[in-house]
Amino acid sequence: ISMYSMGGLAERCVVPATDVFPVPDELALTDAA
């Protein structure tokens, strides 16, 4: 199954570590998307 970027319309995805950034605790993850 091809991936458009990380293929995020799924319960789990794989991303290069160069593209992962910590989210501040005060921001809801569902908003950070």
PDB file of all heavy atoms in Angstrom:
ATOM      1  N   ILE A   1       0.861  -1.178   0.000  1.00  0.00           N
ATOM      2  CA  ILE A   1       0.000   0.000   0.000  1.00  0.00           C
ATOM      3  C   ILE A   1       0.901   1.232   0.000  1.00  0.00           C
ATOM      4  O   ILE A   1       1.746   1.393   0.887  1.00  0.00           O
ATOM      5  CB  ILE A   1      -0.926   0.031   1.232  1.00  0.00           C
ATOM      6  CG1 ILE A   1      -1.735  -1.258   1.338  1.00  0.00           C
ATOM      7  CG2 ILE A   1      -1.827   1.258   1.196  1.00  0.00           C
ATOM      8  CD1 ILE A   1      -2.756  -1.449   0.257  1.00  0.00           C
ATOM      9  N   SER A   2       0.745   2.096  -0.990  1.00  0.00           N
ATOM     10  CA  SER A   2       1.581   3.292  -1.085  1.00  0.00           C
ATOM     11  C   SER A   2       1.288   4.262   0.054  1.00  0.00           C
ATOM     12  O   SER A   2       0.178   4.306   0.594  1.00  0.00           O
ATOM     13  CB  SER A   2       1.359   3.978  -2.431  1.00  0.00           C
ATOM     14  OG  SER A   2       1.715   3.136  -3.506  1.00  0.00           O
ATOM     15  N   MET A   3       2.287   5.062   0.389  1.00  0.00           N
ATOM     16  CA  MET A   3       2.205   6.025   1.485  1.00  0.00           C
ATOM     17  C   MET A   3       2.300   7.439   0.927  1.00  0.00           C
ATOM     18  O   MET A   3       3.293   7.782   0.283  1.00  0.00           O
ATOM     19  CB  MET A   3       3.352   5.812   2.479  1.00  0.00           C
ATOM     20  CG  MET A   3       3.467   4.410   3.035  1.00  0.00           C
ATOM     21  SD  MET A   3       5.074   4.135   3.850  1.00  0.00           S
ATOM     22  CE  MET A   3       5.015   5.354   5.174  1.00  0.00           C
ATOM     23  N   TYR A   4       1.283   8.257   1.165  1.00  0.00           N
ATOM     24  CA  TYR A   4       1.358   9.672   0.818  1.00  0.00           C
ATOM     25  C   TYR A   4       1.925  10.386   2.035  1.00  0.00           C
ATOM     26  O   TYR A   4       1.254  10.507   3.056  1.00  0.00           O
ATOM     27  CB  TYR A   4      -0.018  10.199   0.444  1.00  0.00           C
ATOM     28  CG  TYR A   4       0.013  11.525  -0.271  1.00  0.00           C
ATOM     29  CD1 TYR A   4       0.477  11.607  -1.586  1.00  0.00           C
ATOM     30  CD2 TYR A   4      -0.419  12.681   0.351  1.00  0.00           C
ATOM     31  CE1 TYR A   4       0.500  12.823  -2.260  1.00  0.00           C
ATOM     32  CE2 TYR A   4      -0.399  13.896  -0.310  1.00  0.00           C
ATOM     33  CZ  TYR A   4       0.066  13.972  -1.607  1.00  0.00           C
ATOM     34  OH  TYR A   4       0.090  15.178  -2.266  1.00  0.00           O
ATOM     35  N   SER A   5       3.173  10.868   1.955  1.00  0.00           N
ATOM     36  CA  SER A   5       3.966  11.228   3.128  1.00  0.00           C
ATOM     37  C   SER A   5       4.011  10.001   4.035  1.00  0.00           C
ATOM     38  O   SER A   5       4.416   8.934   3.606  1.00  0.00           O
ATOM     39  CB  SER A   5       3.429  12.469   3.838  1.00  0.00           C
ATOM     40  OG  SER A   5       3.659  13.634   3.066  1.00  0.00           O
ATOM     41  N   MET A   6       3.542  10.130   5.274  1.00  0.00           N
ATOM     42  CA  MET A   6       3.618   9.007   6.218  1.00  0.00           C
ATOM     43  C   MET A   6       2.374   8.121   6.196  1.00  0.00           C
ATOM     44  O   MET A   6       2.327   7.107   6.871  1.00  0.00           O
ATOM     45  CB  MET A   6       3.854   9.525   7.638  1.00  0.00           C
ATOM     46  CG  MET A   6       2.715  10.312   8.248  1.00  0.00           C
ATOM     47  SD  MET A   6       2.447  11.972   7.545  1.00  0.00           S
ATOM     48  CE  MET A   6       3.918  12.821   8.083  1.00  0.00           C
ATOM     49  N   GLY A   7       1.374   8.474   5.386  1.00  0.00           N
ATOM     50  CA  GLY A   7       0.134   7.701   5.372  1.00  0.00           C
ATOM     51  C   GLY A   7      -0.580   7.821   6.706  1.00  0.00           C
ATOM     52  O   GLY A   7      -0.821   6.838   7.407  1.00  0.00           O
ATOM     53  N   GLY A   8      -0.971   9.045   7.048  1.00  0.00           N
ATOM     54  CA  GLY A   8      -1.451   9.327   8.393  1.00  0.00           C
ATOM     55  C   GLY A   8      -2.905   9.006   8.673  1.00  0.00           C
ATOM     56  O   GLY A   8      -3.337   9.092   9.827  1.00  0.00           O
ATOM     57  N   LEU A   9      -3.692   8.617   7.649  1.00  0.00           N
ATOM     58  CA  LEU A   9      -5.083   8.244   7.896  1.00  0.00           C
ATOM     59  C   LEU A   9      -5.140   6.784   8.331  1.00  0.00           C
ATOM     60  O   LEU A   9      -5.751   5.928   7.702  1.00  0.00           O
ATOM     61  CB  LEU A   9      -5.918   8.472   6.639  1.00  0.00           C
ATOM     62  CG  LEU A   9      -6.256   9.927   6.326  1.00  0.00           C
ATOM     63  CD1 LEU A   9      -6.901  10.048   4.954  1.00  0.00           C
ATOM     64  CD2 LEU A   9      -7.161  10.534   7.405  1.00  0.00           C
ATOM     65  N   ALA A  10      -4.478   6.518   9.424  1.00  0.00           N
ATOM     66  CA  ALA A  10      -4.340   5.163   9.960  1.00  0.00           C
ATOM     67  C   ALA A  10      -4.045   5.248  11.445  1.00  0.00           C
ATOM     68  O   ALA A  10      -3.669   6.310  11.960  1.00  0.00           O
ATOM     69  CB  ALA A  10      -3.221   4.419   9.235  1.00  0.00           C
ATOM     70  N   GLU A  11      -4.223   4.140  12.115  1.00  0.00           N
ATOM     71  CA  GLU A  11      -3.975   4.144  13.557  1.00  0.00           C
ATOM     72  C   GLU A  11      -2.490   4.164  13.894  1.00  0.00           C
ATOM     73  O   GLU A  11      -2.112   4.526  15.011  1.00  0.00           O
ATOM     74  CB  GLU A  11      -4.646   2.925  14.189  1.00  0.00           C
ATOM     75  CG  GLU A  11      -6.166   3.008  14.126  1.00  0.00           C
ATOM     76  CD  GLU A  11      -6.862   1.764  14.634  1.00  0.00           C
ATOM     77  OE1 GLU A  11      -6.318   0.651  14.461  1.00  0.00           O
ATOM     78  OE2 GLU A  11      -7.971   1.906  15.209  1.00  0.00           O
ATOM     79  N   ARG A  12      -1.656   3.785  12.932  1.00  0.00           N
ATOM     80  CA  ARG A  12      -0.200   3.846  13.143  1.00  0.00           C
ATOM     81  C   ARG A  12       0.468   4.232  11.835  1.00  0.00           C
ATOM     82  O   ARG A  12       0.000   3.881  10.755  1.00  0.00           O
ATOM     83  CB  ARG A  12       0.345   2.505  13.658  1.00  0.00           C
ATOM     84  CG  ARG A  12       1.854   2.515  13.894  1.00  0.00           C
ATOM     85  CD  ARG A  12       2.332   1.286  14.648  1.00  0.00           C
ATOM     86  NE  ARG A  12       1.894   1.311  16.056  1.00  0.00           N
ATOM     87  CZ  ARG A  12       2.355   0.477  16.986  1.00  0.00           C
ATOM     88  NH1 ARG A  12       3.235  -0.466  16.669  1.00  0.00           N
ATOM     89  NH2 ARG A  12       1.923   0.572  18.230  1.00  0.00           N
ATOM     90  N   CYS A  13       1.565   4.975  11.925  1.00  0.00           N
ATOM     91  CA  CYS A  13       2.320   5.351  10.724  1.00  0.00           C
ATOM     92  C   CYS A  13       3.808   5.339  11.027  1.00  0.00           C
ATOM     93  O   CYS A  13       4.217   5.335  12.194  1.00  0.00           O
ATOM     94  CB  CYS A  13       1.890   6.724  10.210  1.00  0.00           C
ATOM     95  SG  CYS A  13       2.349   8.100  11.283  1.00  0.00           S
ATOM     96  N   VAL A  14       4.615   5.332   9.981  1.00  0.00           N
ATOM     97  CA  VAL A  14       6.075   5.357  10.105  1.00  0.00           C
ATOM     98  C   VAL A  14       6.595   6.619   9.432  1.00  0.00           C
ATOM     99  O   VAL A  14       6.200   6.962   8.321  1.00  0.00           O
ATOM    100  CB  VAL A  14       6.709   4.105   9.475  1.00  0.00           C
ATOM    101  CG1 VAL A  14       8.233   4.256   9.386  1.00  0.00           C
ATOM    102  CG2 VAL A  14       6.356   2.869  10.290  1.00  0.00           C
ATOM    103  N   VAL A  15       7.504   7.306  10.135  1.00  0.00           N
ATOM    104  CA  VAL A  15       8.025   8.595   9.696  1.00  0.00           C
ATOM    105  C   VAL A  15       9.545   8.620   9.862  1.00  0.00           C
ATOM    106  O   VAL A  15      10.050   8.114  10.867  1.00  0.00           O
ATOM    107  CB  VAL A  15       7.421   9.744  10.551  1.00  0.00           C
ATOM    108  CG1 VAL A  15       7.734  11.097   9.947  1.00  0.00           C
ATOM    109  CG2 VAL A  15       5.936   9.570  10.727  1.00  0.00           C
ATOM    110  N   PRO A  16      10.291   9.199   8.924  1.00  0.00           N
ATOM    111  CA  PRO A  16      11.727   9.413   9.159  1.00  0.00           C
ATOM    112  C   PRO A  16      11.936  10.252  10.415  1.00  0.00           C
ATOM    113  O   PRO A  16      11.182  11.200  10.682  1.00  0.00           O
ATOM    114  CB  PRO A  16      12.189  10.157   7.908  1.00  0.00           C
ATOM    115  CG  PRO A  16      11.206   9.769   6.850  1.00  0.00           C
ATOM    116  CD  PRO A  16       9.892   9.635   7.567  1.00  0.00           C
ATOM    117  N   ALA A  17      12.950   9.928  11.188  1.00  0.00           N
ATOM    118  CA  ALA A  17      13.203  10.640  12.442  1.00  0.00           C
ATOM    119  C   ALA A  17      13.548  12.107  12.224  1.00  0.00           C
ATOM    120  O   ALA A  17      13.427  12.915  13.146  1.00  0.00           O
ATOM    121  CB  ALA A  17      14.326   9.947  13.215  1.00  0.00           C
ATOM    122  N   THR A  18      13.954  12.470  11.008  1.00  0.00           N
ATOM    123  CA  THR A  18      14.223  13.871  10.686  1.00  0.00           C
ATOM    124  C   THR A  18      12.958  14.718  10.702  1.00  0.00           C
ATOM    125  O   THR A  18      13.040  15.950  10.624  1.00  0.00           O
ATOM    126  CB  THR A  18      14.864  13.989   9.293  1.00  0.00           C
ATOM    127  OG1 THR A  18      14.032  13.300   8.339  1.00  0.00           O
ATOM    128  CG2 THR A  18      16.260  13.384   9.270  1.00  0.00           C
ATOM    129  N   ASP A  19      11.802  14.065  10.808  1.00  0.00           N
ATOM    130  CA  ASP A  19      10.532  14.761  10.676  1.00  0.00           C
ATOM    131  C   ASP A  19       9.647  14.597  11.908  1.00  0.00           C
ATOM    132  O   ASP A  19       8.434  14.628  11.811  1.00  0.00           O
ATOM    133  CB  ASP A  19       9.800  14.247   9.430  1.00  0.00           C
ATOM    134  CG  ASP A  19       8.569  15.074   9.089  1.00  0.00           C
ATOM    135  OD1 ASP A  19       8.638  16.307   9.250  1.00  0.00           O
ATOM    136  OD2 ASP A  19       7.553  14.492   8.675  1.00  0.00           O
ATOM    137  N   VAL A  20      10.253  14.437  13.057  1.00  0.00           N
ATOM    138  CA  VAL A  20       9.507  14.204  14.293  1.00  0.00           C
ATOM    139  C   VAL A  20       9.886  15.292  15.294  1.00  0.00           C
ATOM    140  O   VAL A  20      11.062  15.463  15.618  1.00  0.00           O
ATOM    141  CB  VAL A  20       9.816  12.806  14.863  1.00  0.00           C
ATOM    142  CG1 VAL A  20       9.110  12.600  16.191  1.00  0.00           C
ATOM    143  CG2 VAL A  20       9.383  11.736  13.869  1.00  0.00           C
ATOM    144  N   PHE A  21       8.869  16.013  15.825  1.00  0.00           N
ATOM    145  CA  PHE A  21       9.120  17.175  16.662  1.00  0.00           C
ATOM    146  C   PHE A  21       8.257  17.126  17.923  1.00  0.00           C
ATOM    147  O   PHE A  21       7.031  16.951  17.827  1.00  0.00           O
ATOM    148  CB  PHE A  21       8.831  18.459  15.876  1.00  0.00           C
ATOM    149  CG  PHE A  21       9.626  18.555  14.614  1.00  0.00           C
ATOM    150  CD1 PHE A  21       9.096  18.082  13.414  1.00  0.00           C
ATOM    151  CD2 PHE A  21      10.908  19.077  14.619  1.00  0.00           C
ATOM    152  CE1 PHE A  21       9.834  18.140  12.246  1.00  0.00           C
ATOM    153  CE2 PHE A  21      11.650  19.138  13.455  1.00  0.00           C
ATOM    154  CZ  PHE A  21      11.114  18.664  12.262  1.00  0.00           C
ATOM    155  N   PRO A  22       8.854  17.269  19.109  1.00  0.00           N
ATOM    156  CA  PRO A  22       8.100  17.195  20.360  1.00  0.00           C
ATOM    157  C   PRO A  22       7.023  18.270  20.444  1.00  0.00           C
ATOM    158  O   PRO A  22       7.225  19.421  20.054  1.00  0.00           O
ATOM    159  CB  PRO A  22       9.171  17.407  21.439  1.00  0.00           C
ATOM    160  CG  PRO A  22      10.456  16.982  20.780  1.00  0.00           C
ATOM    161  CD  PRO A  22      10.313  17.389  19.346  1.00  0.00           C
ATOM    162  N   VAL A  23       5.866  17.882  20.976  1.00  0.00           N
ATOM    163  CA  VAL A  23       4.723  18.784  21.139  1.00  0.00           C
ATOM    164  C   VAL A  23       4.664  19.250  22.586  1.00  0.00           C
ATOM    165  O   VAL A  23       4.756  18.432  23.509  1.00  0.00           O
ATOM    166  CB  VAL A  23       3.412  18.060  20.756  1.00  0.00           C
ATOM    167  CG1 VAL A  23       2.198  18.904  21.134  1.00  0.00           C
ATOM    168  CG2 VAL A  23       3.405  17.735  19.271  1.00  0.00           C
ATOM    169  N   PRO A  24       4.512  20.562  22.827  1.00  0.00           N
ATOM    170  CA  PRO A  24       4.402  21.057  24.207  1.00  0.00           C
ATOM    171  C   PRO A  24       3.236  20.409  24.944  1.00  0.00           C
ATOM    172  O   PRO A  24       2.188  20.118  24.358  1.00  0.00           O
ATOM    173  CB  PRO A  24       4.154  22.558  24.012  1.00  0.00           C
ATOM    174  CG  PRO A  24       4.664  22.872  22.646  1.00  0.00           C
ATOM    175  CD  PRO A  24       4.443  21.640  21.828  1.00  0.00           C
ATOM    176  N   ASP A  25       3.411  20.199  26.251  1.00  0.00           N
ATOM    177  CA  ASP A  25       2.404  19.508  27.056  1.00  0.00           C
ATOM    178  C   ASP A  25       1.057  20.226  27.051  1.00  0.00           C
ATOM    179  O   ASP A  25       0.008  19.587  27.160  1.00  0.00           O
ATOM    180  CB  ASP A  25       2.895  19.370  28.501  1.00  0.00           C
ATOM    181  CG  ASP A  25       4.037  18.372  28.618  1.00  0.00           C
ATOM    182  OD1 ASP A  25       4.189  17.533  27.715  1.00  0.00           O
ATOM    183  OD2 ASP A  25       4.790  18.447  29.612  1.00  0.00           O
ATOM    184  N   GLU A  26       1.087  21.555  26.902  1.00  0.00           N
ATOM    185  CA  GLU A  26      -0.167  22.312  26.983  1.00  0.00           C
ATOM    186  C   GLU A  26      -1.004  22.229  25.706  1.00  0.00           C
ATOM    187  O   GLU A  26      -2.155  22.681  25.697  1.00  0.00           O
ATOM    188  CB  GLU A  26       0.121  23.784  27.302  1.00  0.00           C
ATOM    189  CG  GLU A  26       0.980  24.509  26.289  1.00  0.00           C
ATOM    190  CD  GLU A  26       2.474  24.442  26.595  1.00  0.00           C
ATOM    191  OE1 GLU A  26       2.884  23.511  27.322  1.00  0.00           O
ATOM    192  OE2 GLU A  26       3.207  25.309  26.099  1.00  0.00           O
ATOM    193  N   LEU A  27      -0.470  21.634  24.651  1.00  0.00           N
ATOM    194  CA  LEU A  27      -1.193  21.535  23.390  1.00  0.00           C
ATOM    195  C   LEU A  27      -1.728  20.126  23.200  1.00  0.00           C
ATOM    196  O   LEU A  27      -0.980  19.147  23.257  1.00  0.00           O
ATOM    197  CB  LEU A  27      -0.265  21.899  22.222  1.00  0.00           C
ATOM    198  CG  LEU A  27      -0.867  21.826  20.819  1.00  0.00           C
ATOM    199  CD1 LEU A  27      -2.044  22.781  20.680  1.00  0.00           C
ATOM    200  CD2 LEU A  27       0.191  22.123  19.765  1.00  0.00           C
ATOM    201  N   ALA A  28      -3.043  20.013  22.978  1.00  0.00           N
ATOM    202  CA  ALA A  28      -3.651  18.700  22.739  1.00  0.00           C
ATOM    203  C   ALA A  28      -3.120  18.099  21.447  1.00  0.00           C
ATOM    204  O   ALA A  28      -2.984  18.797  20.438  1.00  0.00           O
ATOM    205  CB  ALA A  28      -5.167  18.836  22.665  1.00  0.00           C
ATOM    206  N   LEU A  29      -2.831  16.802  21.480  1.00  0.00           N
ATOM    207  CA  LEU A  29      -2.298  16.147  20.284  1.00  0.00           C
ATOM    208  C   LEU A  29      -3.275  16.219  19.117  1.00  0.00           C
ATOM    209  O   LEU A  29      -2.871  16.350  17.960  1.00  0.00           O
ATOM    210  CB  LEU A  29      -1.962  14.687  20.587  1.00  0.00           C
ATOM    211  CG  LEU A  29      -0.608  14.416  21.228  1.00  0.00           C
ATOM    212  CD1 LEU A  29      -0.438  12.922  21.497  1.00  0.00           C
ATOM    213  CD2 LEU A  29       0.535  14.918  20.352  1.00  0.00           C
ATOM    214  N   THR A  30      -4.554  16.122  19.405  1.00  0.00           N
ATOM    215  CA  THR A  30      -5.536  16.180  18.321  1.00  0.00           C
ATOM    216  C   THR A  30      -5.554  17.551  17.659  1.00  0.00           C
ATOM    217  O   THR A  30      -5.915  17.678  16.487  1.00  0.00           O
ATOM    218  CB  THR A  30      -6.941  15.827  18.841  1.00  0.00           C
ATOM    219  OG1 THR A  30      -7.221  16.613  20.011  1.00  0.00           O
ATOM    220  CG2 THR A  30      -7.026  14.343  19.193  1.00  0.00           C
ATOM    221  N   ASP A  31      -5.143  18.601  18.372  1.00  0.00           N
ATOM    222  CA  ASP A  31      -5.015  19.929  17.781  1.00  0.00           C
ATOM    223  C   ASP A  31      -3.676  20.078  17.055  1.00  0.00           C
ATOM    224  O   ASP A  31      -3.583  20.751  16.028  1.00  0.00           O
ATOM    225  CB  ASP A  31      -5.128  21.013  18.848  1.00  0.00           C
ATOM    226  CG  ASP A  31      -6.534  21.144  19.400  1.00  0.00           C
ATOM    227  OD1 ASP A  31      -7.428  20.377  18.975  1.00  0.00           O
ATOM    228  OD2 ASP A  31      -6.741  22.001  20.272  1.00  0.00           O
ATOM    229  N   ALA A  32      -2.648  19.449  17.594  1.00  0.00           N
ATOM    230  CA  ALA A  32      -1.304  19.560  17.013  1.00  0.00           C
ATOM    231  C   ALA A  32      -1.225  18.959  15.619  1.00  0.00           C
ATOM    232  O   ALA A  32      -0.309  19.279  14.852  1.00  0.00           O
ATOM    233  CB  ALA A  32      -0.285  18.891  17.928  1.00  0.00           C
ATOM    234  N   ALA A  33      -2.182  18.097  15.270  1.00  0.00           N
ATOM    235  CA  ALA A  33      -2.141  17.449  13.962  1.00  0.00           C
ATOM    236  C   ALA A  33      -2.103  18.454  12.819  1.00  0.00           C
ATOM    237  O   ALA A  33      -1.440  18.216  11.798  1.00  0.00           O
ATOM    238  CB  ALA A  33      -3.348  16.517  13.796  1.00  0.00           C
TER     239      ALA A  33
END
